Amino acid sequence: MMSAETTAHQTTHSNKLWLYVNIAIGVALILAGVAVLFLMDKEPTTTRAVAVSPQQGKVAPDFLLPSLTGETAALSDYKGQVVLINLWATWCPPCKAEMPTLNAFYQTHKDEGFVVLAVNDQEDAITVNNFIKTNGFGFPVLLDMQSQVLDTYNVHALPTSFIIDRNGVIQYVHMGEISRQQLEEIVGPLL
């Protein structure tokens, strides 16, 4: 027969063992969660790039959208020009950060047949107009209230830019903020 002291010792030992097992399981779950979060942070960039890159080398799909000036504009209106379609929103920090670069490049090269079509995703005309006027941007701005262009061009992140040559073929797709150097290297030879 076991003494009360032996039983108490075994119960304490058993409780400690369960405590250590639970701590080990908890630590393993936390590490697994951190690993998943790390991989999720890396995954979208790769997935998004694969989603839009097959469009490179294909004719850019036409679209018709209202502009900030109240007219409608189609991509086909700019046939024969080098077009940069920039999908953006005023709430998007990288979108706002690249706008001065896009505007400066547009102002420098518009007489060479270059145009930026800034296609805003799902924001009202007042919000977009205030942002454009406040910052003094001069390129055409189109309003995509139904995400028509985002859906057609299979865009999953803002900003995304499509550079289209004079024949209407997508030459380059860029997700994220585009730099002046990238514009010079990619658009420059097309002008």
Foldseek 3Di string as FASTA:
>chain_A
DDDPVVVVVVVVVVVVVVVVVVVVVVVVVVVVVVVVVVVVVVPVVVVQCVQQVVQAQPFQDKDWFAWLVGRIDIPVVLAQAKEKEKEAEPVDVQRLVQQVLVQVVCVVCVVVRYAYEDEYEQDDSVVVVVSCVVVVRDGIYGYDNPCPSCVSSVGDAPTKIFIAANRRGTNDIDHTRDHNVNCCVRVVVRD
